[in-house]
N, C-alpha and C. Protein backbone atom coordinates (compact mmCIF):
# COMPACT_ATOMS: atom_id res chain seq x y z
N UNK A 1 80.94 94.98 146.64
CA UNK A 1 80.89 93.77 147.44
C UNK A 1 79.46 93.44 147.85
N UNK A 2 78.66 94.46 148.11
CA UNK A 2 77.26 94.21 148.45
C UNK A 2 76.53 93.58 147.27
N UNK A 3 76.82 94.07 146.07
CA UNK A 3 76.20 93.50 144.88
C UNK A 3 76.60 92.04 144.68
N UNK A 4 77.86 91.73 144.93
CA UNK A 4 78.31 90.34 144.82
C UNK A 4 77.59 89.46 145.82
N UNK A 5 77.47 89.95 147.05
CA UNK A 5 76.77 89.19 148.07
C UNK A 5 75.30 89.03 147.75
N UNK A 6 74.71 90.08 147.17
CA UNK A 6 73.30 90.02 146.80
C UNK A 6 73.06 88.99 145.71
N UNK A 7 73.93 88.98 144.71
CA UNK A 7 73.80 87.99 143.63
C UNK A 7 73.98 86.57 144.15
N UNK A 8 74.97 86.40 145.02
CA UNK A 8 75.22 85.08 145.59
C UNK A 8 74.02 84.62 146.43
N UNK A 9 73.51 85.53 147.25
CA UNK A 9 72.38 85.20 148.11
C UNK A 9 71.12 84.90 147.32
N UNK A 10 70.86 85.66 146.25
CA UNK A 10 69.67 85.43 145.43
C UNK A 10 69.75 84.07 144.75
N UNK A 11 70.96 83.65 144.38
CA UNK A 11 71.12 82.32 143.79
C UNK A 11 70.75 81.25 144.81
N UNK A 12 71.10 81.47 146.07
CA UNK A 12 70.74 80.51 147.13
C UNK A 12 69.23 80.47 147.35
N UNK A 13 68.57 81.62 147.17
CA UNK A 13 67.12 81.68 147.40
C UNK A 13 66.33 80.86 146.39
N UNK A 14 66.97 80.50 145.28
CA UNK A 14 66.28 79.69 144.28
C UNK A 14 65.93 78.31 144.83
N UNK A 15 66.66 77.88 145.85
CA UNK A 15 66.33 76.61 146.52
C UNK A 15 65.23 76.91 147.54
N UNK A 16 63.98 76.79 147.11
CA UNK A 16 62.83 77.15 147.94
C UNK A 16 62.76 76.21 149.14
N UNK A 17 62.67 76.79 150.34
CA UNK A 17 62.61 76.01 151.56
C UNK A 17 61.34 76.28 152.34
N UNK A 18 61.22 75.67 153.53
CA UNK A 18 59.99 75.80 154.33
C UNK A 18 59.69 77.23 154.77
N UNK A 19 60.72 78.05 154.96
CA UNK A 19 60.48 79.43 155.38
C UNK A 19 59.87 80.25 154.25
N UNK A 20 60.17 79.88 153.01
CA UNK A 20 59.51 80.54 151.88
C UNK A 20 58.02 80.23 151.90
N UNK A 21 57.70 78.96 152.14
CA UNK A 21 56.29 78.56 152.20
C UNK A 21 55.59 79.19 153.40
N UNK A 22 56.33 79.34 154.51
CA UNK A 22 55.76 79.99 155.69
C UNK A 22 55.41 81.44 155.39
N UNK A 23 56.30 82.13 154.69
CA UNK A 23 56.05 83.53 154.32
C UNK A 23 54.84 83.62 153.40
N UNK A 24 54.77 82.71 152.42
CA UNK A 24 53.64 82.69 151.50
C UNK A 24 52.34 82.44 152.23
N UNK A 25 52.36 81.48 153.13
CA UNK A 25 51.16 81.13 153.88
C UNK A 25 50.70 82.29 154.76
N UNK A 26 51.65 82.97 155.43
CA UNK A 26 51.31 84.09 156.31
C UNK A 26 50.71 85.24 155.52
N UNK A 27 51.32 85.56 154.38
CA UNK A 27 50.81 86.66 153.55
C UNK A 27 49.44 86.32 152.98
N UNK A 28 49.24 85.07 152.62
CA UNK A 28 47.95 84.64 152.06
C UNK A 28 46.84 84.77 153.08
N UNK A 29 47.14 84.41 154.33
CA UNK A 29 46.12 84.43 155.38
C UNK A 29 45.93 85.80 156.02
N UNK A 30 47.05 86.55 156.18
CA UNK A 30 46.99 87.74 157.02
C UNK A 30 47.42 89.03 156.34
N UNK A 31 47.82 88.94 155.08
CA UNK A 31 48.15 90.15 154.35
C UNK A 31 49.65 90.40 154.18
N UNK A 32 49.95 91.42 153.40
CA UNK A 32 51.34 91.70 153.01
C UNK A 32 52.23 92.05 154.20
N UNK A 33 51.75 92.91 155.10
CA UNK A 33 52.58 93.35 156.22
C UNK A 33 52.96 92.18 157.13
N UNK A 34 52.02 91.26 157.33
CA UNK A 34 52.32 90.08 158.15
C UNK A 34 53.37 89.22 157.45
N UNK A 35 53.24 89.08 156.14
CA UNK A 35 54.24 88.32 155.38
C UNK A 35 55.61 88.96 155.44
N UNK A 36 55.64 90.29 155.32
CA UNK A 36 56.91 91.00 155.39
C UNK A 36 57.52 90.91 156.79
N UNK A 37 56.67 90.86 157.81
CA UNK A 37 57.21 90.72 159.17
C UNK A 37 57.95 89.40 159.33
N UNK A 38 57.44 88.34 158.68
CA UNK A 38 58.16 87.06 158.68
C UNK A 38 59.49 87.22 157.95
N UNK A 39 59.46 87.92 156.80
CA UNK A 39 60.68 88.15 156.02
C UNK A 39 61.72 88.91 156.84
N UNK A 40 61.29 89.92 157.57
CA UNK A 40 62.21 90.70 158.40
C UNK A 40 62.80 89.83 159.51
N UNK A 41 61.95 89.00 160.12
CA UNK A 41 62.41 88.13 161.20
C UNK A 41 63.45 87.13 160.69
N UNK A 42 63.18 86.52 159.55
CA UNK A 42 64.12 85.56 158.97
C UNK A 42 65.43 86.27 158.62
N UNK A 43 65.33 87.48 158.10
CA UNK A 43 66.52 88.25 157.74
C UNK A 43 67.38 88.56 158.96
N UNK A 44 66.73 88.96 160.06
CA UNK A 44 67.47 89.26 161.28
C UNK A 44 68.16 88.01 161.82
N UNK A 45 67.46 86.87 161.76
CA UNK A 45 68.06 85.62 162.22
C UNK A 45 69.24 85.24 161.34
N UNK A 46 69.09 85.41 160.02
CA UNK A 46 70.20 85.15 159.10
C UNK A 46 71.38 86.07 159.40
N UNK A 47 71.07 87.35 159.67
CA UNK A 47 72.13 88.31 159.98
C UNK A 47 72.87 87.88 161.24
N UNK A 48 72.14 87.36 162.23
CA UNK A 48 72.76 86.87 163.45
C UNK A 48 73.70 85.71 163.15
N UNK A 49 73.23 84.77 162.32
CA UNK A 49 74.06 83.62 161.97
C UNK A 49 75.31 84.04 161.20
N UNK A 50 75.12 84.96 160.27
CA UNK A 50 76.25 85.45 159.47
C UNK A 50 77.28 86.12 160.37
N UNK A 51 76.80 86.96 161.30
CA UNK A 51 77.72 87.65 162.21
C UNK A 51 78.47 86.65 163.09
N UNK A 52 77.76 85.65 163.60
CA UNK A 52 78.40 84.65 164.44
C UNK A 52 79.44 83.84 163.67
N UNK A 53 79.12 83.53 162.42
CA UNK A 53 80.07 82.77 161.61
C UNK A 53 81.32 83.59 161.33
N UNK A 54 81.14 84.89 161.10
CA UNK A 54 82.29 85.76 160.85
C UNK A 54 83.13 85.95 162.12
N UNK A 55 82.47 85.86 163.27
CA UNK A 55 83.17 86.07 164.54
C UNK A 55 83.80 84.80 165.08
N UNK A 56 83.56 83.68 164.41
CA UNK A 56 84.25 82.46 164.81
C UNK A 56 83.44 81.45 165.59
N UNK A 57 82.11 81.58 165.61
CA UNK A 57 81.28 80.61 166.33
C UNK A 57 81.32 79.24 165.68
N UNK A 58 81.82 79.18 164.45
CA UNK A 58 81.93 77.90 163.74
C UNK A 58 82.77 76.92 164.55
N UNK A 59 83.81 77.42 165.18
CA UNK A 59 84.70 76.55 165.96
C UNK A 59 83.95 75.86 167.09
N UNK A 60 83.06 76.59 167.76
CA UNK A 60 82.28 76.02 168.86
C UNK A 60 81.36 74.92 168.37
N UNK A 61 80.69 75.15 167.25
CA UNK A 61 79.74 74.16 166.74
C UNK A 61 80.42 72.95 166.11
N UNK A 62 81.71 73.02 165.92
CA UNK A 62 82.42 71.86 165.40
C UNK A 62 82.63 70.80 166.48
N UNK A 63 82.39 71.18 167.74
CA UNK A 63 82.48 70.21 168.83
C UNK A 63 81.28 69.28 168.76
N UNK A 64 81.54 67.98 168.80
CA UNK A 64 80.49 66.98 168.57
C UNK A 64 79.32 67.12 169.54
N UNK A 65 79.60 67.30 170.82
CA UNK A 65 78.52 67.37 171.81
C UNK A 65 77.67 68.61 171.64
N UNK A 66 78.32 69.72 171.36
CA UNK A 66 77.57 70.97 171.15
C UNK A 66 76.70 70.86 169.90
N UNK A 67 77.28 70.35 168.82
CA UNK A 67 76.54 70.20 167.57
C UNK A 67 75.35 69.25 167.74
N UNK A 68 75.56 68.15 168.47
CA UNK A 68 74.48 67.19 168.69
C UNK A 68 73.35 67.82 169.50
N UNK A 69 73.70 68.59 170.53
CA UNK A 69 72.68 69.20 171.39
C UNK A 69 71.82 70.20 170.62
N UNK A 70 72.47 71.11 169.89
CA UNK A 70 71.70 72.12 169.17
C UNK A 70 70.90 71.50 168.03
N UNK A 71 71.40 70.41 167.48
CA UNK A 71 70.67 69.74 166.40
C UNK A 71 69.40 69.10 166.92
N UNK A 72 69.49 68.40 168.05
CA UNK A 72 68.31 67.76 168.62
C UNK A 72 67.25 68.79 169.02
N UNK A 73 67.69 69.87 169.66
CA UNK A 73 66.75 70.92 170.07
C UNK A 73 66.09 71.57 168.85
N UNK A 74 66.91 71.90 167.86
CA UNK A 74 66.38 72.53 166.65
C UNK A 74 65.40 71.63 165.93
N UNK A 75 65.72 70.35 165.82
CA UNK A 75 64.84 69.41 165.14
C UNK A 75 63.52 69.28 165.88
N UNK A 76 63.58 69.21 167.21
CA UNK A 76 62.36 69.10 168.01
C UNK A 76 61.45 70.31 167.82
N UNK A 77 62.05 71.51 167.85
CA UNK A 77 61.28 72.74 167.67
C UNK A 77 60.61 72.77 166.30
N UNK A 78 61.36 72.44 165.27
CA UNK A 78 60.82 72.45 163.92
C UNK A 78 59.65 71.46 163.76
N UNK A 79 59.82 70.26 164.29
CA UNK A 79 58.77 69.25 164.18
C UNK A 79 57.52 69.64 164.96
N UNK A 80 57.70 70.19 166.16
CA UNK A 80 56.56 70.63 166.95
C UNK A 80 55.82 71.78 166.26
N UNK A 81 56.56 72.71 165.73
CA UNK A 81 55.94 73.83 165.01
C UNK A 81 55.16 73.29 163.80
N UNK A 82 55.79 72.36 163.09
CA UNK A 82 55.13 71.80 161.91
C UNK A 82 53.84 71.10 162.26
N UNK A 83 53.86 70.28 163.31
CA UNK A 83 52.64 69.58 163.74
C UNK A 83 51.58 70.57 164.19
N UNK A 84 52.01 71.62 164.88
CA UNK A 84 51.06 72.62 165.37
C UNK A 84 50.37 73.35 164.22
N UNK A 85 51.12 73.61 163.16
CA UNK A 85 50.54 74.29 162.00
C UNK A 85 49.56 73.37 161.28
N UNK A 86 49.90 72.07 161.17
CA UNK A 86 49.02 71.12 160.48
C UNK A 86 47.68 70.99 161.21
N UNK A 87 47.73 70.74 162.51
CA UNK A 87 46.47 70.57 163.25
C UNK A 87 45.75 71.90 163.39
N UNK A 88 46.52 73.01 163.38
CA UNK A 88 45.89 74.33 163.45
C UNK A 88 45.05 74.63 162.23
N UNK A 89 45.37 74.00 161.10
CA UNK A 89 44.57 74.19 159.89
C UNK A 89 43.15 73.67 160.07
N UNK A 90 42.97 72.79 161.08
CA UNK A 90 41.65 72.21 161.36
C UNK A 90 41.09 72.71 162.68
N UNK A 91 41.65 73.83 163.15
CA UNK A 91 41.13 74.46 164.36
C UNK A 91 41.55 73.80 165.65
N UNK A 92 42.63 73.03 165.63
CA UNK A 92 43.11 72.32 166.81
C UNK A 92 44.46 72.89 167.23
N UNK A 93 44.67 73.05 168.54
CA UNK A 93 45.96 73.48 169.05
C UNK A 93 46.66 72.28 169.65
N UNK A 94 47.80 71.93 169.11
CA UNK A 94 48.53 70.74 169.57
C UNK A 94 49.05 70.93 170.99
N UNK A 95 49.83 71.99 171.19
CA UNK A 95 50.40 72.28 172.50
C UNK A 95 50.21 73.78 172.76
N UNK A 96 49.24 74.16 173.62
CA UNK A 96 48.96 75.58 173.84
C UNK A 96 50.20 76.37 174.25
N UNK A 97 51.12 75.74 174.98
CA UNK A 97 52.30 76.45 175.44
C UNK A 97 53.20 76.93 174.33
N UNK A 98 53.04 76.35 173.11
CA UNK A 98 53.89 76.78 172.00
C UNK A 98 53.65 78.23 171.63
N UNK A 99 52.48 78.76 171.99
CA UNK A 99 52.19 80.16 171.66
C UNK A 99 53.17 81.10 172.35
N UNK A 100 53.73 80.65 173.48
CA UNK A 100 54.70 81.48 174.18
C UNK A 100 55.98 81.64 173.38
N UNK A 101 56.23 80.67 172.48
CA UNK A 101 57.43 80.73 171.64
C UNK A 101 57.15 81.34 170.28
N UNK A 102 55.92 81.81 170.08
CA UNK A 102 55.58 82.39 168.79
C UNK A 102 55.07 81.38 167.79
N UNK A 103 54.75 80.16 168.24
CA UNK A 103 54.28 79.14 167.31
C UNK A 103 52.84 79.37 166.90
N UNK A 104 52.12 80.17 167.67
CA UNK A 104 50.75 80.46 167.28
C UNK A 104 50.75 81.50 166.18
N UNK A 105 49.58 81.74 165.61
CA UNK A 105 49.48 82.72 164.52
C UNK A 105 49.42 84.15 165.05
N UNK A 106 49.56 84.34 166.36
CA UNK A 106 49.43 85.67 166.91
C UNK A 106 50.60 86.58 166.61
N UNK A 107 51.75 86.01 166.35
CA UNK A 107 52.95 86.82 166.15
C UNK A 107 53.80 86.24 165.03
N UNK A 108 53.53 86.61 163.78
CA UNK A 108 54.28 86.05 162.65
C UNK A 108 55.76 86.40 162.69
N UNK A 109 56.09 87.58 163.24
CA UNK A 109 57.50 87.96 163.32
C UNK A 109 58.26 86.98 164.22
N UNK A 110 57.74 86.75 165.42
CA UNK A 110 58.42 85.87 166.36
C UNK A 110 58.44 84.44 165.85
N UNK A 111 57.38 84.05 165.16
CA UNK A 111 57.33 82.71 164.59
C UNK A 111 58.45 82.51 163.56
N UNK A 112 58.59 83.47 162.67
CA UNK A 112 59.64 83.38 161.66
C UNK A 112 61.03 83.38 162.26
N UNK A 113 61.23 84.18 163.31
CA UNK A 113 62.55 84.26 163.94
C UNK A 113 62.90 82.94 164.63
N UNK A 114 61.96 82.41 165.42
CA UNK A 114 62.22 81.17 166.16
C UNK A 114 62.47 80.01 165.22
N UNK A 115 61.69 79.93 164.16
CA UNK A 115 61.86 78.83 163.21
C UNK A 115 63.21 78.92 162.50
N UNK A 116 63.68 80.12 162.24
CA UNK A 116 64.97 80.27 161.57
C UNK A 116 66.12 79.90 162.49
N UNK A 117 66.09 80.37 163.73
CA UNK A 117 67.19 80.07 164.65
C UNK A 117 67.14 78.63 165.15
N UNK A 118 66.07 77.90 164.80
CA UNK A 118 65.99 76.49 165.21
C UNK A 118 67.04 75.63 164.51
N UNK A 119 67.67 76.18 163.48
CA UNK A 119 68.74 75.45 162.80
C UNK A 119 70.04 76.24 162.88
N UNK A 120 70.65 76.29 164.08
CA UNK A 120 71.89 77.06 164.23
C UNK A 120 73.07 76.48 163.46
N UNK A 121 72.91 75.26 162.94
CA UNK A 121 74.00 74.69 162.14
C UNK A 121 74.20 75.47 160.84
N UNK A 122 73.26 76.38 160.55
CA UNK A 122 73.44 77.26 159.40
C UNK A 122 74.74 78.05 159.53
N UNK A 123 75.17 78.27 160.77
CA UNK A 123 76.43 78.98 161.00
C UNK A 123 77.58 78.25 160.32
N UNK A 124 77.54 76.91 160.36
CA UNK A 124 78.59 76.13 159.71
C UNK A 124 78.59 76.36 158.21
N UNK A 125 77.39 76.46 157.64
CA UNK A 125 77.29 76.71 156.19
C UNK A 125 77.93 78.05 155.84
N UNK A 126 77.53 79.10 156.56
CA UNK A 126 78.08 80.42 156.25
C UNK A 126 79.56 80.48 156.53
N UNK A 127 79.99 79.78 157.58
CA UNK A 127 81.42 79.75 157.86
C UNK A 127 82.20 79.15 156.71
N UNK A 128 81.66 78.08 156.11
CA UNK A 128 82.31 77.46 154.95
C UNK A 128 82.32 78.38 153.75
N UNK A 129 81.18 79.07 153.53
CA UNK A 129 81.09 80.01 152.40
C UNK A 129 82.12 81.12 152.52
N UNK A 130 82.19 81.72 153.69
CA UNK A 130 83.09 82.86 153.87
C UNK A 130 84.55 82.44 153.84
N UNK A 131 84.84 81.26 154.39
CA UNK A 131 86.22 80.76 154.32
C UNK A 131 86.65 80.56 152.88
N UNK A 132 85.75 79.99 152.08
CA UNK A 132 86.05 79.75 150.66
C UNK A 132 86.25 81.07 149.92
N UNK A 133 85.41 82.06 150.21
CA UNK A 133 85.52 83.35 149.53
C UNK A 133 86.82 84.06 149.88
N UNK A 134 87.18 84.01 151.15
CA UNK A 134 88.43 84.65 151.57
C UNK A 134 89.63 83.97 150.92
N UNK A 135 89.59 82.64 150.87
CA UNK A 135 90.70 81.88 150.30
C UNK A 135 90.84 82.12 148.80
N UNK A 136 89.71 82.11 148.10
CA UNK A 136 89.75 82.23 146.64
C UNK A 136 90.02 83.66 146.19
N UNK A 137 89.45 84.64 146.90
CA UNK A 137 89.50 86.03 146.43
C UNK A 137 90.46 86.92 147.21
N UNK A 138 91.05 86.38 148.29
CA UNK A 138 91.96 87.17 149.11
C UNK A 138 91.29 88.44 149.63
N UNK A 139 90.06 88.30 150.10
CA UNK A 139 89.34 89.46 150.60
C UNK A 139 89.85 89.87 151.98
N UNK A 140 89.66 91.15 152.29
CA UNK A 140 89.91 91.65 153.64
C UNK A 140 88.66 91.40 154.49
N UNK A 141 88.79 91.57 155.78
CA UNK A 141 87.63 91.39 156.66
C UNK A 141 86.54 92.40 156.33
N UNK A 142 86.94 93.62 155.96
CA UNK A 142 85.95 94.64 155.60
C UNK A 142 85.17 94.21 154.36
N UNK A 143 85.85 93.70 153.36
CA UNK A 143 85.17 93.23 152.15
C UNK A 143 84.22 92.06 152.47
N UNK A 144 84.65 91.18 153.37
CA UNK A 144 83.82 90.05 153.75
C UNK A 144 82.52 90.51 154.40
N UNK A 145 82.61 91.51 155.26
CA UNK A 145 81.40 92.01 155.93
C UNK A 145 80.43 92.63 154.92
N UNK A 146 80.94 93.34 153.93
CA UNK A 146 80.05 93.93 152.93
C UNK A 146 79.41 92.84 152.06
N UNK A 147 80.19 91.82 151.76
CA UNK A 147 79.65 90.68 151.01
C UNK A 147 78.55 90.00 151.82
N UNK A 148 78.78 89.82 153.11
CA UNK A 148 77.79 89.20 153.99
C UNK A 148 76.52 90.04 154.05
N UNK A 149 76.68 91.36 154.05
CA UNK A 149 75.52 92.25 154.06
C UNK A 149 74.65 92.03 152.83
N UNK A 150 75.28 91.87 151.67
CA UNK A 150 74.53 91.58 150.45
C UNK A 150 73.78 90.27 150.54
N UNK A 151 74.42 89.26 151.13
CA UNK A 151 73.77 87.95 151.29
C UNK A 151 72.53 88.07 152.15
N UNK A 152 72.63 88.84 153.24
CA UNK A 152 71.49 89.01 154.14
C UNK A 152 70.36 89.77 153.45
N UNK A 153 70.70 90.81 152.70
CA UNK A 153 69.69 91.59 151.99
C UNK A 153 68.92 90.74 150.98
N UNK A 154 69.58 89.74 150.41
CA UNK A 154 68.90 88.88 149.44
C UNK A 154 67.74 88.13 150.08
N UNK A 155 67.90 87.77 151.35
CA UNK A 155 66.81 87.10 152.07
C UNK A 155 65.61 88.01 152.21
N UNK A 156 65.85 89.25 152.59
CA UNK A 156 64.76 90.21 152.77
C UNK A 156 64.04 90.47 151.44
N UNK A 157 64.80 90.66 150.37
CA UNK A 157 64.20 90.96 149.07
C UNK A 157 63.37 89.78 148.54
N UNK A 158 63.94 88.58 148.61
CA UNK A 158 63.25 87.42 148.04
C UNK A 158 61.99 87.08 148.83
N UNK A 159 62.06 87.12 150.16
CA UNK A 159 60.88 86.79 150.96
C UNK A 159 59.82 87.88 150.89
N UNK A 160 60.24 89.13 150.74
CA UNK A 160 59.26 90.21 150.55
C UNK A 160 58.51 90.03 149.23
N UNK A 161 59.22 89.56 148.20
CA UNK A 161 58.58 89.27 146.92
C UNK A 161 57.57 88.14 147.08
N UNK A 162 57.94 87.12 147.83
CA UNK A 162 57.02 86.00 148.06
C UNK A 162 55.80 86.48 148.85
N UNK A 163 56.01 87.38 149.81
CA UNK A 163 54.88 87.95 150.55
C UNK A 163 53.94 88.70 149.62
N UNK A 164 54.51 89.42 148.67
CA UNK A 164 53.69 90.13 147.69
C UNK A 164 52.88 89.17 146.84
N UNK A 165 53.49 88.06 146.43
CA UNK A 165 52.77 87.06 145.63
C UNK A 165 51.64 86.45 146.45
N UNK A 166 51.93 86.13 147.71
CA UNK A 166 50.90 85.56 148.57
C UNK A 166 49.73 86.50 148.76
N UNK A 167 50.01 87.78 148.92
CA UNK A 167 48.94 88.77 149.07
C UNK A 167 48.12 88.90 147.80
N UNK A 168 48.78 88.85 146.65
CA UNK A 168 48.09 89.01 145.37
C UNK A 168 47.12 87.87 145.09
N UNK A 169 47.49 86.66 145.48
CA UNK A 169 46.65 85.51 145.16
C UNK A 169 45.66 85.17 146.27
N UNK A 170 45.77 85.84 147.42
CA UNK A 170 44.94 85.48 148.56
C UNK A 170 43.45 85.62 148.27
N UNK A 171 43.10 86.63 147.48
CA UNK A 171 41.69 86.85 147.18
C UNK A 171 41.09 85.82 146.26
N UNK A 172 41.91 85.00 145.63
CA UNK A 172 41.42 84.01 144.68
C UNK A 172 41.43 82.59 145.24
N UNK A 173 41.99 82.43 146.46
CA UNK A 173 42.12 81.10 147.01
C UNK A 173 40.92 80.74 147.88
N UNK A 174 40.29 79.61 147.65
CA UNK A 174 39.20 79.15 148.53
C UNK A 174 39.76 78.68 149.86
N UNK A 175 38.89 78.50 150.84
CA UNK A 175 39.31 78.10 152.17
C UNK A 175 40.06 76.77 152.16
N UNK A 176 39.61 75.84 151.34
CA UNK A 176 40.27 74.52 151.29
C UNK A 176 41.70 74.64 150.80
N UNK A 177 41.95 75.59 149.88
CA UNK A 177 43.31 75.78 149.36
C UNK A 177 44.23 76.31 150.46
N UNK A 178 43.70 77.19 151.31
CA UNK A 178 44.50 77.73 152.42
C UNK A 178 44.80 76.63 153.43
N UNK A 179 43.82 75.76 153.68
CA UNK A 179 44.06 74.63 154.58
C UNK A 179 45.15 73.71 154.04
N UNK A 180 45.09 73.45 152.75
CA UNK A 180 46.10 72.61 152.12
C UNK A 180 47.48 73.25 152.22
N UNK A 181 47.53 74.58 152.03
CA UNK A 181 48.80 75.29 152.14
C UNK A 181 49.36 75.17 153.56
N UNK A 182 48.49 75.28 154.57
CA UNK A 182 48.93 75.13 155.95
C UNK A 182 49.52 73.74 156.20
N UNK A 183 48.84 72.73 155.68
CA UNK A 183 49.31 71.35 155.85
C UNK A 183 50.67 71.18 155.18
N UNK A 184 50.81 71.74 153.98
CA UNK A 184 52.08 71.63 153.26
C UNK A 184 53.21 72.33 154.01
N UNK A 185 52.92 73.51 154.58
CA UNK A 185 53.93 74.23 155.34
C UNK A 185 54.35 73.43 156.56
N UNK A 186 53.36 72.89 157.29
CA UNK A 186 53.67 72.07 158.46
C UNK A 186 54.48 70.85 158.10
N UNK A 187 54.10 70.19 157.01
CA UNK A 187 54.83 69.00 156.57
C UNK A 187 56.26 69.35 156.18
N UNK A 188 56.43 70.50 155.52
CA UNK A 188 57.77 70.92 155.11
C UNK A 188 58.67 71.16 156.33
N UNK A 189 58.10 71.74 157.39
CA UNK A 189 58.89 71.99 158.60
C UNK A 189 59.28 70.68 159.28
N UNK A 190 58.35 69.71 159.28
CA UNK A 190 58.66 68.41 159.88
C UNK A 190 59.77 67.71 159.10
N UNK A 191 59.65 67.73 157.78
CA UNK A 191 60.69 67.12 156.94
C UNK A 191 62.03 67.81 157.17
N UNK A 192 61.98 69.13 157.29
CA UNK A 192 63.20 69.91 157.53
C UNK A 192 63.84 69.49 158.85
N UNK A 193 63.01 69.32 159.89
CA UNK A 193 63.52 68.90 161.18
C UNK A 193 64.12 67.50 161.16
N UNK A 194 63.45 66.59 160.47
CA UNK A 194 63.96 65.21 160.36
C UNK A 194 65.27 65.18 159.58
N UNK A 195 65.33 65.96 158.51
CA UNK A 195 66.57 66.01 157.71
C UNK A 195 67.72 66.57 158.52
N UNK A 196 67.41 67.48 159.44
CA UNK A 196 68.44 68.05 160.30
C UNK A 196 69.08 66.95 161.15
N UNK A 197 68.26 66.07 161.70
CA UNK A 197 68.78 64.94 162.47
C UNK A 197 69.55 63.97 161.57
N UNK A 198 69.03 63.74 160.38
CA UNK A 198 69.68 62.81 159.45
C UNK A 198 71.08 63.30 159.09
N UNK A 199 71.20 64.61 158.86
CA UNK A 199 72.52 65.16 158.54
C UNK A 199 73.46 65.04 159.72
N UNK A 200 72.92 65.19 160.93
CA UNK A 200 73.76 65.04 162.12
C UNK A 200 74.31 63.62 162.22
N UNK A 201 73.42 62.64 161.99
CA UNK A 201 73.84 61.24 162.05
C UNK A 201 74.90 60.93 160.99
N UNK A 202 74.71 61.52 159.81
CA UNK A 202 75.70 61.32 158.74
C UNK A 202 77.06 61.89 159.16
N UNK A 203 77.04 63.06 159.78
CA UNK A 203 78.28 63.70 160.20
C UNK A 203 78.99 62.87 161.27
N UNK A 204 78.19 62.28 162.19
CA UNK A 204 78.76 61.46 163.25
C UNK A 204 79.40 60.19 162.68
N UNK A 205 78.66 59.54 161.72
CA UNK A 205 79.16 58.30 161.14
C UNK A 205 80.40 58.54 160.29
N UNK A 206 80.49 59.75 159.70
CA UNK A 206 81.65 60.09 158.88
C UNK A 206 82.88 60.27 159.76
């Protein structure tokens, strides 16, 4: 079951997202261990979401007011982090207080964790995945948990690989390339935050 979850999770990792770019950027600037710390943080946040979805938190997020509230907060956090990273590439701090939330470069682990949990609607995705798997395969709860473990491990493996790639190429990248990477990461987070709101509006209109 772990192998099945790992294969399923690795297939999902092929859809490169902003957290992949964040891991690459961190490893490029600060080395492999810093990149892996982001990978570990994202993995722990994913594990939290997976556990909550298995425990039934999906029902709570299906309530319109709750979903709207967490979506607005998550979108705001993502956009602020993105803007902070963009201006930070030019030596400017957008909002100094964001460092308390891990938005500064001082703590890549906390940064990765906060950015991941900024989209708690991921619980709905995992809830749908697990419901489909149980329905199609008639799995027991024990089998579901092992499958979920494989899915979570895929995040750690894929992002650790990206951290390794970032570390390998860091010595060949000029300063301007690193600045461009920072801008791209920030822009990706902003787009991610805006899309989060867009999906919420679509769900409401539906």
